Amino acid sequence: MIRSTAKWPLIRRLKAGPALAALAIAAAATPVHADDLQGALAAAYATNPDLAAARANQRATDEGVPIARAPGLPSLTGTATYTEFLKVGPNSFIAPKRLLTVDPSLSVPIYSGGSVRNSLAAAKIRVEAGQASLRGTEAGVFSQVVAAYMDVIRDAATVGLNRNNVQVLEVNLKATSDRFEIGDVTRTDVAQSNSRLALARADLRSAEAALVASRERYVQVVGLVPADLQPPPPLAGLPATPDEAVQTALDNNPDLEAARQRTKAAGYDAKAAGAGRLPTISLYTSGEYSTYFNSLGGGAVGGNFVQSQTTAQAGVRASIPLFQGGLPAAQQRRAQATASATEEQEISTERQVIANVRSAYTQWRAANDVITLNQTAVDAAALSLEGVRAENTVGNRTILNILDAEQELLRAQVGLVAARRNAYVAAFNLLAAMGKAQATDLGFDPASLYDPEANYRRVRGRVFDWALDSPTLPKATRTVDTPAQTATISPQPVP
């Protein structure tokens, strides 16, 4: 796991206060160690298969540069031919019995109509686009981790609240049944208590199923079993206005940067496609060595003939296309249409980024308002329940009033937990859309960061035909051996 040696630029540490109590419910049956959000992000950064695949795809994109450069470099070929003359005519007195010919050839491109130059420029720009896309994939994976982390905390808290509610209703049912036995309440009161308990148990089972699903999703994204998930630290760098958020995204969003680079690359592709109608010029030289193994001329007179010879030639070769059935024009038109499509896709990406930023900003601000309102509702519902219980003891309130007050408090508590989750996830998504939630923003150990530029520098100048890499094993970890998740949480006291 990647460990951080510095504080997060993105996330500041803050001790959990009373307002975070609902989010601090333990999220594992048998905690082995405490997990914090940075640890989960670091684990996903090191072992997530989607991120590992994106890095491998980027390494494949890097190879586009030496591939595009290769047609502009000298090429050397050699041909060796050995011939055994098995049967010759009766009058072929000087026919050899065997022949070996070695023919090396060197060709040096001088001019290719701009095909190599433009293809190489496009390949280099695609490397930059791929690196930007990789940063976007990192941010996307981090957003998934944050959502999965907060889902586990939310659903564990919801299970705890529903479990406490069941315990409270069980106590209420017993108390109501005891009062019915002495004639203090009616059978209707008992039935109402029993009905609310059954509904509460059903809600608990639904909450437990949701918690199991959230924990399995966490295992899928992070690659680890969620243990004692700690309340997340507050996020820093959030914008004051949606316009500020949009401007930051336009300057820093990695997906938008990738789209812009792909548009530039497509322009060079169109230029390279047009080179098919232009002349090509190259220098060439070749030689030939032939030997007859002293078999030229027959056995007795073999010495009268030269049994081996060497020739060499050099020159300039120019190729001028005259008619190709419209192929170059069609190829260039196709490349131009593709370039036009990438420009439209760039605008589409820009639209999507703007919409995502504005939506995330609105969701974040709305969730913060909902937190405040739900906190007010929790406080008021708790006070109301206390008053209803007190009034019931003097006969001013019924059992149904108590059940309604308890249900209202539960709804407010669950709503508060959900609002806190929604606010945090929306805030992180906002930062991700702004281009502020990449690996370099999370304070990981610099030595542990994946540097796509390192592989590009390693391969861009390779020209040897046998410069291969050794096969590598998958970097992502498997989760087949992780235990099936349960809805067990730490016992919660009955209020």
Protein backbone atom coordinates (compact mmCIF):
# COMPACT_ATOMS: atom_id res chain seq x y z
CA MET A 1 0.00 0.00 0.00
CA ILE A 2 1.21 3.53 -0.76
CA ARG A 3 1.85 5.48 2.39
CA SER A 4 1.82 9.22 2.60
CA THR A 5 4.69 11.14 4.13
CA ALA A 6 2.97 14.52 3.95
CA LYS A 7 -0.35 16.10 4.72
CA TRP A 8 -2.92 16.19 1.98
CA PRO A 9 -3.08 19.37 -0.06
CA LEU A 10 -6.64 18.36 -0.95
CA ILE A 11 -7.90 17.08 2.42
CA ARG A 12 -7.16 18.63 5.77
CA ARG A 13 -7.21 16.58 8.93
CA LEU A 14 -9.97 17.36 11.42
CA LYS A 15 -11.13 15.53 14.54
CA ALA A 16 -14.66 14.21 14.37
CA GLY A 17 -17.10 16.25 16.41
CA PRO A 18 -20.60 15.46 17.62
CA ALA A 19 -22.05 16.27 14.21
CA LEU A 20 -20.09 13.37 12.72
CA ALA A 21 -21.16 10.87 15.37
CA ALA A 22 -23.62 9.14 13.08
CA LEU A 23 -20.92 8.64 10.44
CA ALA A 24 -18.46 7.13 12.90
CA ILE A 25 -20.30 3.83 13.39
CA ALA A 26 -17.95 0.90 12.86
CA ALA A 27 -18.20 -0.76 9.46
CA ALA A 28 -16.77 -4.25 10.00
CA ALA A 29 -17.61 -7.36 11.97
CA THR A 30 -14.12 -8.02 13.31
CA PRO A 31 -11.92 -4.94 12.79
CA VAL A 32 -8.30 -5.76 12.07
CA HIS A 33 -7.07 -2.22 11.61
CA ALA A 34 -8.53 1.23 11.20
CA ASP A 35 -8.99 2.44 7.62
CA ASP A 36 -8.98 6.08 6.68
CA LEU A 37 -9.93 7.60 3.37
CA GLN A 38 -6.37 8.35 2.32
CA GLY A 39 -5.40 4.74 2.91
CA ALA A 40 -8.31 3.57 0.77
CA LEU A 41 -7.33 5.96 -2.03
CA ALA A 42 -3.71 4.82 -1.83
CA ALA A 43 -4.71 1.15 -1.97
CA ALA A 44 -6.86 1.74 -5.04
CA TYR A 45 -4.09 3.77 -6.68
CA ALA A 46 -1.70 0.84 -6.27
CA THR A 47 -3.98 -2.11 -7.07
CA ASN A 48 -7.15 -1.03 -8.94
CA PRO A 49 -7.43 -3.03 -12.20
CA ASP A 50 -9.08 -0.22 -14.18
CA LEU A 51 -6.21 2.08 -13.34
CA ALA A 52 -3.62 -0.62 -14.07
CA ALA A 53 -5.25 -1.25 -17.46
CA ALA A 54 -5.23 2.47 -18.26
CA ARG A 55 -1.49 2.60 -17.51
CA ALA A 56 -0.86 -0.39 -19.78
CA ASN A 57 -2.90 1.26 -22.55
CA GLN A 58 -0.82 4.39 -22.14
CA ARG A 59 2.37 2.36 -22.53
CA ALA A 60 0.90 1.01 -25.77
CA THR A 61 0.21 4.59 -26.88
CA ASP A 62 3.84 5.49 -26.16
CA GLU A 63 4.93 2.94 -28.75
CA GLY A 64 3.16 4.98 -31.42
CA VAL A 65 6.14 7.39 -31.47
CA PRO A 66 8.87 4.89 -32.48
CA ILE A 67 6.37 3.27 -34.87
CA ALA A 68 5.74 6.62 -36.58
CA ARG A 69 9.46 7.42 -36.66
CA ALA A 70 10.55 4.08 -38.13
CA PRO A 71 9.58 4.82 -41.80
CA GLY A 72 11.89 7.85 -41.73
CA LEU A 73 14.95 5.92 -40.54
CA PRO A 74 17.45 3.94 -42.66
CA SER A 75 16.56 0.34 -43.32
CA LEU A 76 19.06 -2.44 -43.85
CA THR A 77 18.14 -5.77 -45.33
CA GLY A 78 20.13 -8.80 -46.32
CA THR A 79 19.27 -11.69 -48.57
CA ALA A 80 21.20 -14.95 -48.84
CA THR A 81 20.36 -17.54 -51.50
CA TYR A 82 21.94 -20.95 -51.84
CA THR A 83 21.19 -22.94 -55.02
CA GLU A 84 22.06 -26.56 -55.78
CA PHE A 85 21.88 -27.32 -59.51
CA LEU A 86 20.55 -30.85 -59.61
CA LYS A 87 20.38 -31.31 -63.38
CA VAL A 88 21.81 -29.29 -66.27
CA GLY A 89 21.62 -29.64 -70.02
CA PRO A 90 24.17 -31.86 -71.89
CA ASN A 91 25.76 -28.88 -73.65
CA SER A 92 26.09 -26.70 -70.53
CA PHE A 93 29.82 -27.28 -70.13
CA ILE A 94 30.39 -24.39 -67.76
CA ALA A 95 27.22 -24.81 -65.70
CA PRO A 96 28.01 -24.65 -61.96
CA LYS A 97 26.89 -27.29 -59.53
CA ARG A 98 26.05 -24.91 -56.68
CA LEU A 99 25.77 -21.16 -56.04
CA LEU A 100 25.63 -18.92 -52.95
CA THR A 101 24.52 -15.30 -53.32
CA VAL A 102 24.58 -12.74 -50.49
CA ASP A 103 22.81 -9.42 -51.24
CA PRO A 104 22.84 -6.65 -48.55
CA SER A 105 20.82 -3.48 -49.23
CA LEU A 106 20.68 -0.13 -47.43
CA SER A 107 17.97 2.49 -48.02
CA VAL A 108 17.94 5.98 -46.48
CA PRO A 109 14.70 8.00 -46.86
CA ILE A 110 15.30 11.63 -47.75
CA TYR A 111 11.81 12.97 -48.44
CA SER A 112 8.42 11.34 -47.91
CA GLY A 113 6.06 14.19 -48.68
CA GLY A 114 5.66 15.05 -44.98
CA SER A 115 4.10 11.71 -44.07
CA VAL A 116 6.69 10.76 -41.48
CA ARG A 117 6.95 14.25 -40.00
CA ASN A 118 3.20 14.67 -39.56
CA SER A 119 2.62 11.11 -38.35
CA LEU A 120 5.37 11.55 -35.76
CA ALA A 121 3.87 14.84 -34.59
CA ALA A 122 0.45 13.20 -34.27
CA ALA A 123 1.92 10.30 -32.30
CA LYS A 124 3.68 12.63 -29.85
CA ILE A 125 0.50 14.61 -29.30
CA ARG A 126 -1.44 11.38 -28.71
CA VAL A 127 1.04 10.51 -25.98
CA GLU A 128 0.16 13.81 -24.29
CA ALA A 129 -3.54 13.12 -24.79
CA GLY A 130 -3.12 9.66 -23.32
CA GLN A 131 -1.32 11.01 -20.27
CA ALA A 132 -4.17 13.47 -19.72
CA SER A 133 -6.71 10.65 -20.09
CA LEU A 134 -4.74 8.63 -17.56
CA ARG A 135 -5.02 11.49 -15.09
CA GLY A 136 -8.75 11.54 -15.78
CA THR A 137 -8.95 7.81 -15.10
CA GLU A 138 -7.13 8.34 -11.81
CA ALA A 139 -9.63 11.01 -10.79
CA GLY A 140 -12.51 8.75 -11.81
CA VAL A 141 -11.19 5.86 -9.74
CA PHE A 142 -10.66 8.17 -6.76
CA SER A 143 -14.26 9.38 -7.09
CA GLN A 144 -15.42 5.75 -7.05
CA VAL A 145 -13.34 5.10 -3.93
CA VAL A 146 -14.79 8.12 -2.13
CA ALA A 147 -18.33 7.11 -3.05
CA ALA A 148 -17.75 3.50 -1.96
CA TYR A 149 -16.09 4.63 1.27
CA MET A 150 -18.89 7.01 2.15
CA ASP A 151 -21.54 4.45 1.15
CA VAL A 152 -20.14 1.96 3.66
CA ILE A 153 -20.11 4.58 6.42
CA ARG A 154 -23.63 5.74 5.55
CA ASP A 155 -25.09 2.26 5.32
CA ALA A 156 -23.35 1.09 8.49
CA ALA A 157 -24.79 4.10 10.31
CA THR A 158 -28.21 3.38 8.84
CA VAL A 159 -28.03 -0.23 10.02
CA GLY A 160 -27.05 0.99 13.48
CA LEU A 161 -29.94 3.44 13.61
CA ASN A 162 -32.44 0.85 12.40
CA ARG A 163 -31.07 -1.75 14.79
CA ASN A 164 -31.43 0.65 17.68
CA ASN A 165 -34.95 1.44 16.52
CA VAL A 166 -35.83 -2.26 16.54
CA GLN A 167 -34.46 -2.59 20.06
CA VAL A 168 -36.45 0.44 21.19
CA LEU A 169 -39.64 -0.91 19.62
CA GLU A 170 -39.05 -4.31 21.22
CA VAL A 171 -38.86 -2.60 24.60
CA ASN A 172 -41.95 -0.56 23.74
CA LEU A 173 -43.88 -3.68 22.73
CA LYS A 174 -42.97 -5.47 25.93
CA ALA A 175 -43.93 -2.44 28.02
CA THR A 176 -47.19 -2.03 26.12
CA SER A 177 -48.00 -5.73 26.54
CA ASP A 178 -47.32 -5.48 30.28
CA ARG A 179 -49.61 -2.44 30.55
CA PHE A 180 -52.29 -4.28 28.58
CA GLU A 181 -52.15 -7.13 31.08
CA ILE A 182 -53.03 -4.72 33.87
CA GLY A 183 -55.66 -2.94 31.77
CA ASP A 184 -53.74 0.34 31.39
CA VAL A 185 -53.85 0.25 27.52
CA THR A 186 -56.01 -1.47 24.92
CA ARG A 187 -55.35 -4.32 22.51
CA THR A 188 -55.18 -1.70 19.76
CA ASP A 189 -52.09 -0.17 21.39
CA VAL A 190 -50.42 -3.58 21.44
CA ALA A 191 -51.29 -4.20 17.78
CA GLN A 192 -49.90 -0.80 16.80
CA SER A 193 -46.64 -1.49 18.64
CA ASN A 194 -46.38 -4.93 17.06
CA SER A 195 -47.00 -3.51 13.58
CA ARG A 196 -44.32 -0.84 13.97
CA LEU A 197 -41.86 -3.45 15.22
CA ALA A 198 -42.46 -5.66 12.19
CA LEU A 199 -41.98 -2.73 9.82
CA ALA A 200 -38.82 -1.73 11.68
CA ARG A 201 -37.41 -5.24 11.32
CA ALA A 202 -38.17 -5.16 7.59
CA ASP A 203 -36.40 -1.80 7.28
CA LEU A 204 -33.44 -3.25 9.16
CA ARG A 205 -33.15 -6.18 6.76
CA SER A 206 -33.21 -3.79 3.80
CA ALA A 207 -30.55 -1.64 5.44
CA GLU A 208 -28.39 -4.70 6.12
CA ALA A 209 -28.63 -5.80 2.48
CA ALA A 210 -27.62 -2.31 1.38
CA LEU A 211 -24.62 -2.41 3.73
CA VAL A 212 -23.45 -5.75 2.35
CA ALA A 213 -23.72 -4.38 -1.20
CA SER A 214 -21.74 -1.26 -0.24
CA ARG A 215 -19.02 -3.33 1.40
CA GLU A 216 -18.72 -5.58 -1.64
CA ARG A 217 -18.50 -2.51 -3.85
CA TYR A 218 -15.73 -1.21 -1.59
CA VAL A 219 -13.83 -4.49 -2.00
CA GLN A 220 -14.26 -4.25 -5.77
CA VAL A 221 -12.92 -0.70 -6.02
CA VAL A 222 -10.32 -0.60 -3.24
CA GLY A 223 -9.25 -4.25 -3.25
CA LEU A 224 -9.40 -4.51 0.55
CA VAL A 225 -12.07 -5.52 3.02
CA PRO A 226 -13.45 -2.43 4.80
CA ALA A 227 -12.47 -2.52 8.45
CA ASP A 228 -13.07 0.31 10.92
CA LEU A 229 -13.69 3.14 8.46
CA GLN A 230 -12.94 6.49 10.03
CA PRO A 231 -14.88 9.71 9.37
CA PRO A 232 -13.37 11.44 6.34
CA PRO A 233 -11.43 14.67 6.75
CA PRO A 234 -12.89 17.87 5.30
CA LEU A 235 -12.05 18.79 1.71
CA ALA A 236 -10.05 21.87 0.85
CA GLY A 237 -9.96 23.97 -2.30
CA LEU A 238 -13.69 24.07 -2.96
CA PRO A 239 -14.84 27.02 -5.11
CA ALA A 240 -16.87 29.95 -3.88
CA THR A 241 -19.04 30.22 -7.01
CA PRO A 242 -20.04 27.94 -9.89
CA ASP A 243 -18.33 30.29 -12.34
CA GLU A 244 -15.06 29.89 -10.48
CA ALA A 245 -15.50 26.12 -10.57
CA VAL A 246 -16.20 26.12 -14.31
CA GLN A 247 -13.18 28.29 -15.12
CA THR A 248 -10.90 26.06 -13.07
CA ALA A 249 -12.30 22.99 -14.84
CA LEU A 250 -11.77 24.54 -18.28
CA ASP A 251 -8.12 25.11 -17.36
CA ASN A 252 -7.40 21.83 -15.56
CA ASN A 253 -9.89 19.07 -16.36
CA PRO A 254 -7.81 16.15 -17.71
CA ASP A 255 -10.56 14.73 -19.94
CA LEU A 256 -11.00 18.09 -21.63
CA GLU A 257 -7.24 18.43 -22.04
CA ALA A 258 -7.14 14.97 -23.64
CA ALA A 259 -9.91 15.93 -26.06
CA ARG A 260 -8.01 19.07 -27.08
CA GLN A 261 -4.84 17.10 -27.72
CA ARG A 262 -6.72 14.51 -29.77
CA THR A 263 -8.07 17.32 -31.95
CA LYS A 264 -4.51 18.52 -32.62
CA ALA A 265 -3.36 15.01 -33.44
CA ALA A 266 -6.21 14.52 -35.89
CA GLY A 267 -5.10 17.66 -37.75
CA TYR A 268 -1.64 16.16 -38.25
CA ASP A 269 -3.23 12.90 -39.38
CA ALA A 270 -5.02 14.78 -42.16
CA LYS A 271 -1.74 16.30 -43.30
CA ALA A 272 -0.01 12.92 -43.22
CA ALA A 273 -2.80 11.38 -45.30
CA GLY A 274 -2.24 13.95 -48.04
CA ALA A 275 1.40 12.89 -48.44
CA GLY A 276 0.35 9.89 -50.52
CA ARG A 277 0.14 12.03 -53.68
CA LEU A 278 3.62 13.57 -53.26
CA PRO A 279 7.00 12.23 -54.45
CA THR A 280 9.31 10.23 -52.22
CA ILE A 281 13.10 10.33 -52.46
CA SER A 282 15.63 7.99 -50.91
CA LEU A 283 19.27 7.07 -51.17
CA TYR A 284 20.10 3.44 -51.67
CA THR A 285 23.12 1.23 -51.89
CA SER A 286 23.41 -2.49 -52.33
CA GLY A 287 26.03 -5.11 -52.96
CA GLU A 288 26.23 -8.72 -53.99
CA TYR A 289 28.69 -11.47 -53.33
CA SER A 290 28.43 -14.73 -55.29
CA THR A 291 30.47 -17.91 -55.03
CA TYR A 292 30.22 -21.14 -57.03
CA PHE A 293 32.31 -23.21 -54.63
CA ASN A 294 34.75 -23.98 -57.49
CA SER A 295 31.97 -25.70 -59.43
CA LEU A 296 31.77 -23.24 -62.34
CA GLY A 297 33.03 -24.74 -65.58
CA GLY A 298 33.05 -28.39 -64.62
CA GLY A 299 35.69 -30.42 -62.82
CA ALA A 300 38.67 -30.35 -65.28
CA VAL A 301 38.32 -26.79 -66.46
CA GLY A 302 36.98 -25.30 -63.23
CA GLY A 303 40.18 -23.40 -62.58
CA ASN A 304 39.84 -21.36 -65.79
CA PHE A 305 36.82 -19.45 -64.48
CA VAL A 306 36.43 -16.94 -61.65
CA GLN A 307 34.62 -18.82 -58.92
CA SER A 308 33.42 -15.81 -56.90
CA GLN A 309 32.57 -12.17 -57.57
CA THR A 310 31.50 -9.03 -55.73
CA THR A 311 29.43 -6.12 -57.05
CA ALA A 312 28.17 -2.88 -55.49
CA GLN A 313 25.99 0.02 -56.54
CA ALA A 314 24.56 3.21 -55.03
CA GLY A 315 22.13 5.82 -56.22
CA VAL A 316 19.12 8.02 -55.62
CA ARG A 317 15.62 6.68 -56.05
CA ALA A 318 12.66 8.96 -56.66
CA SER A 319 9.09 7.76 -56.84
CA ILE A 320 6.44 10.07 -58.27
CA PRO A 321 2.81 8.91 -58.02
CA LEU A 322 0.92 9.68 -61.23
CA PHE A 323 -2.42 7.96 -60.74
CA GLN A 324 -3.66 5.88 -57.80
CA GLY A 325 -7.36 5.64 -58.47
CA GLY A 326 -8.22 8.51 -56.10
CA LEU A 327 -6.77 6.69 -53.06
CA PRO A 328 -4.74 9.64 -51.61
CA ALA A 329 -7.66 12.06 -51.92
CA ALA A 330 -10.05 9.60 -50.28
CA GLN A 331 -7.62 8.97 -47.45
CA GLN A 332 -7.18 12.68 -46.83
CA ARG A 333 -10.91 13.37 -46.97
CA ARG A 334 -11.47 10.58 -44.46
CA ALA A 335 -8.77 12.01 -42.18
CA GLN A 336 -10.30 15.48 -42.48
CA ALA A 337 -13.73 14.12 -41.54
CA THR A 338 -12.19 12.34 -38.56
CA ALA A 339 -10.51 15.59 -37.52
CA SER A 340 -13.86 17.36 -37.77
CA ALA A 341 -15.41 14.65 -35.59
CA THR A 342 -12.73 15.09 -32.92
CA GLU A 343 -13.40 18.84 -32.87
CA GLU A 344 -17.08 18.16 -32.27
CA GLN A 345 -16.18 15.62 -29.58
CA GLU A 346 -13.98 18.22 -27.91
CA ILE A 347 -16.95 20.58 -27.73
CA SER A 348 -19.10 17.74 -26.40
CA THR A 349 -16.53 16.99 -23.71
CA GLU A 350 -16.39 20.67 -22.81
CA ARG A 351 -20.18 20.75 -22.48
CA GLN A 352 -20.13 17.65 -20.31
CA VAL A 353 -17.42 19.06 -18.06
CA ILE A 354 -19.34 22.31 -17.58
CA ALA A 355 -22.56 20.43 -16.83
CA ASN A 356 -20.80 18.08 -14.40
CA VAL A 357 -19.16 20.96 -12.57
CA ARG A 358 -22.33 22.99 -12.22
CA SER A 359 -24.33 19.93 -11.20
CA ALA A 360 -21.77 18.84 -8.60
CA TYR A 361 -21.57 22.37 -7.22
CA THR A 362 -25.34 22.56 -6.88
CA GLN A 363 -25.53 19.11 -5.28
CA TRP A 364 -22.77 20.00 -2.84
CA ARG A 365 -24.40 23.26 -1.74
CA ALA A 366 -27.84 21.67 -1.56
CA ALA A 367 -26.52 18.76 0.50
CA ASN A 368 -24.92 21.18 2.94
CA ASP A 369 -28.27 22.94 3.34
CA VAL A 370 -29.96 19.57 3.81
CA ILE A 371 -27.43 18.72 6.52
CA THR A 372 -28.36 21.87 8.43
CA LEU A 373 -32.07 21.23 8.05
CA ASN A 374 -31.79 17.57 9.02
CA GLN A 375 -29.70 18.44 12.05
CA THR A 376 -32.45 20.81 13.12
CA ALA A 377 -34.98 18.05 12.48
CA VAL A 378 -32.98 15.54 14.55
CA ASP A 379 -32.70 17.93 17.47
CA ALA A 380 -36.38 18.83 17.31
CA ALA A 381 -37.49 15.20 16.87
CA ALA A 382 -35.40 14.08 19.83
CA LEU A 383 -36.92 16.81 22.00
CA SER A 384 -40.40 15.94 20.71
CA LEU A 385 -39.94 12.24 21.52
CA GLU A 386 -38.80 13.07 25.01
CA GLY A 387 -41.85 15.27 25.54
CA VAL A 388 -44.29 12.71 24.10
CA ARG A 389 -42.93 10.00 26.37
CA ALA A 390 -43.27 12.29 29.39
CA GLU A 391 -46.81 13.29 28.45
CA ASN A 392 -47.75 9.65 27.93
CA THR A 393 -46.94 8.87 31.52
CA VAL A 394 -49.65 11.32 32.64
CA GLY A 395 -52.15 10.17 30.02
CA ASN A 396 -51.93 13.12 27.65
CA ARG A 397 -50.36 11.11 24.80
CA THR A 398 -51.14 7.69 23.34
CA ILE A 399 -48.83 4.82 22.40
CA LEU A 400 -49.36 5.76 18.76
CA ASN A 401 -48.02 9.24 19.47
CA ILE A 402 -44.84 7.69 20.87
CA LEU A 403 -44.46 5.39 17.85
CA ASP A 404 -44.92 8.30 15.46
CA ALA A 405 -42.36 10.40 17.34
CA GLU A 406 -39.84 7.56 17.26
CA GLN A 407 -40.37 7.05 13.53
CA GLU A 408 -39.95 10.76 12.87
CA LEU A 409 -36.67 10.82 14.77
CA LEU A 410 -35.39 7.81 12.83
CA ARG A 411 -36.23 9.40 9.50
CA ALA A 412 -34.42 12.59 10.49
CA GLN A 413 -31.34 10.65 11.65
CA VAL A 414 -31.19 8.56 8.47
CA GLY A 415 -31.68 11.69 6.40
CA LEU A 416 -28.81 13.39 8.19
CA VAL A 417 -26.49 10.46 7.54
CA ALA A 418 -27.45 10.39 3.85
CA ALA A 419 -27.03 14.15 3.51
CA ARG A 420 -23.52 14.02 4.95
CA ARG A 421 -22.60 11.29 2.51
CA ASN A 422 -24.11 13.20 -0.43
CA ALA A 423 -22.36 16.43 0.51
CA TYR A 424 -18.94 14.80 0.75
CA VAL A 425 -19.28 12.79 -2.46
CA ALA A 426 -20.59 15.82 -4.37
CA ALA A 427 -17.72 17.95 -3.07
CA PHE A 428 -15.13 15.38 -4.16
CA ASN A 429 -16.81 14.97 -7.55
CA LEU A 430 -16.69 18.74 -7.93
CA LEU A 431 -12.97 18.76 -7.22
CA ALA A 432 -12.46 15.89 -9.66
CA ALA A 433 -14.35 17.73 -12.41
CA MET A 434 -12.22 20.79 -11.71
CA GLY A 435 -9.07 18.71 -12.23
CA LYS A 436 -8.11 18.98 -8.56
CA ALA A 437 -8.49 15.33 -7.48
CA GLN A 438 -5.55 13.66 -9.21
CA ALA A 439 -2.82 11.56 -7.64
CA THR A 440 -0.50 14.54 -7.25
CA ASP A 441 -3.20 16.35 -5.25
CA LEU A 442 -3.52 13.63 -2.60
CA GLY A 443 -0.13 13.89 -0.91
CA PHE A 444 1.10 10.38 -1.76
CA ASP A 445 4.79 9.59 -1.34
CA PRO A 446 6.36 10.99 -4.56
CA ALA A 447 8.41 7.81 -4.94
CA SER A 448 5.18 5.81 -5.14
CA LEU A 449 3.55 7.87 -7.88
CA TYR A 450 3.26 6.30 -11.32
CA ASP A 451 5.10 8.44 -13.87
CA PRO A 452 3.87 7.77 -17.44
CA GLU A 453 6.56 10.08 -18.78
CA ALA A 454 9.25 7.65 -17.59
CA ASN A 455 8.07 4.89 -19.92
CA TYR A 456 7.74 7.35 -22.80
CA ARG A 457 11.32 8.50 -22.34
CA ARG A 458 12.41 4.87 -22.20
CA VAL A 459 10.86 3.81 -25.52
CA ARG A 460 10.69 6.91 -27.70
CA GLY A 461 14.24 6.57 -29.04
CA ARG A 462 14.44 2.81 -29.40
CA VAL A 463 15.48 1.69 -32.89
CA PHE A 464 16.76 -1.86 -32.32
CA ASP A 465 14.39 -4.48 -33.76
CA TRP A 466 14.89 -6.87 -30.83
CA ALA A 467 14.53 -4.38 -27.98
CA LEU A 468 11.65 -6.24 -26.32
CA ASP A 469 10.27 -5.98 -22.78
CA SER A 470 9.94 -8.97 -20.53
CA PRO A 471 6.37 -10.20 -19.92
CA THR A 472 4.86 -8.63 -16.82
CA LEU A 473 2.41 -10.00 -14.29
CA PRO A 474 -0.84 -8.15 -13.51
CA LYS A 475 -0.38 -5.28 -11.10
CA ALA A 476 -3.96 -5.39 -9.81
CA THR A 477 -4.84 -7.61 -6.89
CA ARG A 478 -7.59 -10.22 -7.01
CA THR A 479 -10.44 -10.29 -4.53
CA VAL A 480 -11.51 -13.91 -5.00
CA ASP A 481 -10.03 -14.83 -1.62
CA THR A 482 -11.75 -12.06 0.32
CA PRO A 483 -14.55 -13.24 2.59
CA ALA A 484 -18.16 -12.57 1.72
CA GLN A 485 -19.21 -9.38 3.44
CA THR A 486 -21.84 -9.25 6.17
CA ALA A 487 -23.95 -6.54 7.79
CA THR A 488 -22.42 -7.05 11.22
CA ILE A 489 -21.48 -3.83 13.01
CA SER A 490 -20.43 -2.96 16.52
CA PRO A 491 -23.34 -3.19 19.00
CA GLN A 492 -25.09 0.10 19.54
CA PRO A 493 -26.57 1.11 22.92
CA VAL A 494 -30.31 1.54 23.19
CA PRO A 495 -31.10 5.25 23.76
